[in-house]
């Protein structure tokens, strides 16, 4: 688990990861 000074709710954290995945997916596909 990633340690952080800020407590992030599980669902919200997973949601952020999903959004990040969508953001980086095109870049990864290009590479």
N, C-alpha and C. Protein backbone atom coordinates (compact mmCIF):
# COMPACT_ATOMS: atom_id res chain seq x y z
N UNK A 1 0.85 -1.21 0.00
CA UNK A 1 0.00 0.00 0.00
C UNK A 1 0.88 1.25 0.00
N UNK A 2 0.47 2.25 -0.72
CA UNK A 2 1.24 3.48 -0.78
C UNK A 2 0.97 4.33 0.47
N UNK A 3 2.04 4.70 1.17
CA UNK A 3 1.87 5.51 2.38
C UNK A 3 1.70 6.96 1.98
N UNK A 4 0.75 7.64 2.64
CA UNK A 4 0.51 9.04 2.32
C UNK A 4 0.14 9.81 3.58
N UNK A 5 0.51 11.07 3.63
CA UNK A 5 0.19 11.90 4.79
C UNK A 5 -1.30 12.23 4.81
N UNK A 6 -1.93 12.09 3.65
CA UNK A 6 -3.36 12.40 3.55
C UNK A 6 -4.18 11.12 3.50
N UNK A 7 -5.20 11.03 4.34
CA UNK A 7 -6.06 9.83 4.35
C UNK A 7 -7.05 9.91 3.18
N UNK A 8 -6.91 8.99 2.24
CA UNK A 8 -7.80 8.99 1.08
C UNK A 8 -8.74 7.79 1.13
N UNK A 9 -10.04 8.02 1.02
CA UNK A 9 -11.02 6.93 1.02
C UNK A 9 -10.70 5.93 -0.08
N UNK A 10 -10.87 4.64 0.19
CA UNK A 10 -10.58 3.59 -0.79
C UNK A 10 -11.22 3.85 -2.15
N UNK A 11 -12.56 3.97 -2.19
CA UNK A 11 -13.26 4.15 -3.46
C UNK A 11 -12.73 5.36 -4.24
N UNK A 12 -12.47 6.46 -3.52
CA UNK A 12 -11.99 7.67 -4.17
C UNK A 12 -10.60 7.43 -4.74
N UNK A 13 -9.76 6.73 -3.96
CA UNK A 13 -8.40 6.43 -4.39
C UNK A 13 -8.43 5.59 -5.66
N UNK A 14 -9.27 4.56 -5.65
CA UNK A 14 -9.39 3.68 -6.82
C UNK A 14 -9.90 4.46 -8.01
N UNK A 15 -10.81 5.40 -7.75
CA UNK A 15 -11.38 6.21 -8.82
C UNK A 15 -10.28 7.06 -9.45
N UNK A 16 -9.42 7.64 -8.58
CA UNK A 16 -8.32 8.47 -9.09
C UNK A 16 -7.38 7.63 -9.95
N UNK A 17 -7.10 6.40 -9.50
CA UNK A 17 -6.21 5.51 -10.26
C UNK A 17 -6.83 5.21 -11.62
N UNK A 18 -8.15 4.99 -11.64
CA UNK A 18 -8.84 4.69 -12.89
C UNK A 18 -8.72 5.87 -13.86
N UNK A 19 -8.92 7.08 -13.32
CA UNK A 19 -8.82 8.28 -14.15
C UNK A 19 -7.40 8.45 -14.66
N UNK A 20 -6.42 8.19 -13.79
CA UNK A 20 -5.02 8.31 -14.20
C UNK A 20 -4.73 7.30 -15.31
N UNK A 21 -5.29 6.10 -15.17
CA UNK A 21 -5.09 5.07 -16.18
C UNK A 21 -5.62 5.54 -17.53
N UNK A 22 -6.77 6.20 -17.52
CA UNK A 22 -7.37 6.69 -18.77
C UNK A 22 -6.52 7.81 -19.37
N UNK A 23 -5.90 8.62 -18.47
CA UNK A 23 -5.07 9.74 -18.94
C UNK A 23 -3.80 9.23 -19.61
N UNK A 24 -3.19 8.19 -19.00
CA UNK A 24 -1.91 7.70 -19.51
C UNK A 24 -2.06 6.64 -20.59
N UNK A 25 -3.24 6.05 -20.69
CA UNK A 25 -3.44 4.97 -21.66
C UNK A 25 -3.05 5.38 -23.08
N UNK A 26 -3.52 6.53 -23.57
CA UNK A 26 -3.18 6.96 -24.94
C UNK A 26 -1.66 7.09 -25.11
N UNK A 27 -0.98 7.67 -24.11
CA UNK A 27 0.46 7.87 -24.19
C UNK A 27 1.17 6.52 -24.28
N UNK A 28 0.72 5.58 -23.47
CA UNK A 28 1.33 4.24 -23.48
C UNK A 28 1.08 3.56 -24.82
N UNK A 29 -0.10 3.75 -25.37
CA UNK A 29 -0.44 3.14 -26.65
C UNK A 29 0.47 3.69 -27.75
N UNK A 30 0.76 4.98 -27.68
CA UNK A 30 1.62 5.61 -28.68
C UNK A 30 3.02 5.03 -28.59
N UNK A 31 3.49 4.84 -27.35
CA UNK A 31 4.84 4.27 -27.16
C UNK A 31 4.82 2.82 -27.58
